């Protein structure tokens, strides 16, 4: 794990985003592995991964509905 913190399970999207940015700035970006990678590119990758996850979840729900007849 990169970061562990006890939080309210009903955290808002904004609060989650701000927490992610904080961890990104304090722990991820300063690491040697992230040298030369911008904060903006990582935030864009996060956004794209969330979109992909939502699309895949919808597909799974549709496929599950089609197999139950």
C-alpha atoms as a PDB file:
ATOM      1  CA  UNK A   1       0.000   0.000   0.000  1.00  0.00           C
ATOM      2  CA  UNK A   2       1.139   3.518  -0.701  1.00  0.00           C
ATOM      3  CA  UNK A   3      -1.207   5.172   1.787  1.00  0.00           C
ATOM      4  CA  UNK A   4      -3.577   3.914   4.454  1.00  0.00           C
ATOM      5  CA  UNK A   5      -6.003   6.213   6.211  1.00  0.00           C
ATOM      6  CA  UNK A   6      -9.251   5.641   8.058  1.00  0.00           C
ATOM      7  CA  UNK A   7     -12.012   7.656   6.377  1.00  0.00           C
ATOM      8  CA  UNK A   8     -15.782   7.866   6.271  1.00  0.00           C
ATOM      9  CA  UNK A   9     -17.030   5.293   3.717  1.00  0.00           C
ATOM     10  CA  UNK A  10     -19.453   7.910   2.381  1.00  0.00           C
ATOM     11  CA  UNK A  11     -16.724  10.376   1.420  1.00  0.00           C
ATOM     12  CA  UNK A  12     -17.764  12.788  -1.324  1.00  0.00           C
ATOM     13  CA  UNK A  13     -16.184  12.705  -4.779  1.00  0.00           C
ATOM     14  CA  UNK A  14     -14.548  16.042  -4.067  1.00  0.00           C
ATOM     15  CA  UNK A  15     -13.107  14.841  -0.750  1.00  0.00           C
ATOM     16  CA  UNK A  16     -11.810  11.656  -2.390  1.00  0.00           C
ATOM     17  CA  UNK A  17     -10.218  13.662  -5.197  1.00  0.00           C
ATOM     18  CA  UNK A  18      -8.549  16.060  -2.751  1.00  0.00           C
ATOM     19  CA  UNK A  19      -7.232  13.138  -0.687  1.00  0.00           C
ATOM     20  CA  UNK A  20      -5.885  11.511  -3.860  1.00  0.00           C
ATOM     21  CA  UNK A  21      -4.153  14.771  -4.876  1.00  0.00           C
ATOM     22  CA  UNK A  22      -2.625  15.098  -1.406  1.00  0.00           C
ATOM     23  CA  UNK A  23      -1.204  11.565  -1.494  1.00  0.00           C
ATOM     24  CA  UNK A  24      -0.085  12.101  -5.074  1.00  0.00           C
ATOM     25  CA  UNK A  25       1.881  15.234  -4.131  1.00  0.00           C
ATOM     26  CA  UNK A  26       3.255  13.974  -0.817  1.00  0.00           C
ATOM     27  CA  UNK A  27       4.040  10.322  -1.527  1.00  0.00           C
ATOM     28  CA  UNK A  28       3.760   9.326  -5.175  1.00  0.00           C
ATOM     29  CA  UNK A  29       5.319  12.160  -7.186  1.00  0.00           C
ATOM     30  CA  UNK A  30       8.420  12.505  -4.955  1.00  0.00           C
ATOM     31  CA  UNK A  31       9.290   8.816  -5.466  1.00  0.00           C
ATOM     32  CA  UNK A  32      12.167   7.883  -7.754  1.00  0.00           C
ATOM     33  CA  UNK A  33       9.842   5.770  -9.945  1.00  0.00           C
ATOM     34  CA  UNK A  34       7.706   8.806 -10.798  1.00  0.00           C
ATOM     35  CA  UNK A  35      10.615  11.025 -11.786  1.00  0.00           C
ATOM     36  CA  UNK A  36       9.708  12.951 -14.937  1.00  0.00           C
ATOM     37  CA  UNK A  37       5.972  12.175 -14.726  1.00  0.00           C
ATOM     38  CA  UNK A  38       3.708  15.175 -14.226  1.00  0.00           C
ATOM     39  CA  UNK A  39       0.861  15.462 -11.745  1.00  0.00           C
ATOM     40  CA  UNK A  40      -1.436  16.398 -14.613  1.00  0.00           C
ATOM     41  CA  UNK A  41      -0.706  13.191 -16.550  1.00  0.00           C
ATOM     42  CA  UNK A  42      -1.403  11.056 -13.469  1.00  0.00           C
ATOM     43  CA  UNK A  43      -4.661  12.902 -12.771  1.00  0.00           C
ATOM     44  CA  UNK A  44      -5.702  12.368 -16.410  1.00  0.00           C
ATOM     45  CA  UNK A  45      -4.851   8.658 -16.136  1.00  0.00           C
ATOM     46  CA  UNK A  46      -6.972   8.456 -12.968  1.00  0.00           C
ATOM     47  CA  UNK A  47      -9.896  10.090 -14.764  1.00  0.00           C
ATOM     48  CA  UNK A  48      -9.601   7.700 -17.715  1.00  0.00           C
ATOM     49  CA  UNK A  49      -9.391   4.657 -15.443  1.00  0.00           C
ATOM     50  CA  UNK A  50     -12.583   5.692 -13.616  1.00  0.00           C
ATOM     51  CA  UNK A  51     -14.411   6.050 -16.953  1.00  0.00           C
ATOM     52  CA  UNK A  52     -13.153   2.636 -18.087  1.00  0.00           C
ATOM     53  CA  UNK A  53     -14.184   1.037 -14.795  1.00  0.00           C
ATOM     54  CA  UNK A  54     -17.716   2.476 -15.102  1.00  0.00           C
ATOM     55  CA  UNK A  55     -18.017   1.230 -18.702  1.00  0.00           C
ATOM     56  CA  UNK A  56     -16.855  -2.266 -17.766  1.00  0.00           C
ATOM     57  CA  UNK A  57     -19.232  -2.387 -14.805  1.00  0.00           C
ATOM     58  CA  UNK A  58     -22.161  -1.469 -17.084  1.00  0.00           C
ATOM     59  CA  UNK A  59     -21.144  -4.173 -19.591  1.00  0.00           C
ATOM     60  CA  UNK A  60     -20.982  -6.789 -16.844  1.00  0.00           C
ATOM     61  CA  UNK A  61     -24.439  -5.829 -15.608  1.00  0.00           C
ATOM     62  CA  UNK A  62     -25.829  -6.060 -19.149  1.00  0.00           C
ATOM     63  CA  UNK A  63     -24.178  -9.429 -19.749  1.00  0.00           C
ATOM     64  CA  UNK A  64     -25.469 -10.751 -16.442  1.00  0.00           C
ATOM     65  CA  UNK A  65     -28.987  -9.620 -17.372  1.00  0.00           C
ATOM     66  CA  UNK A  66     -28.767 -11.335 -20.778  1.00  0.00           C
ATOM     67  CA  UNK A  67     -27.764 -14.700 -19.293  1.00  0.00           C
ATOM     68  CA  UNK A  68     -30.664 -14.735 -16.842  1.00  0.00           C
ATOM     69  CA  UNK A  69     -33.707 -15.696 -18.891  1.00  0.00           C
END
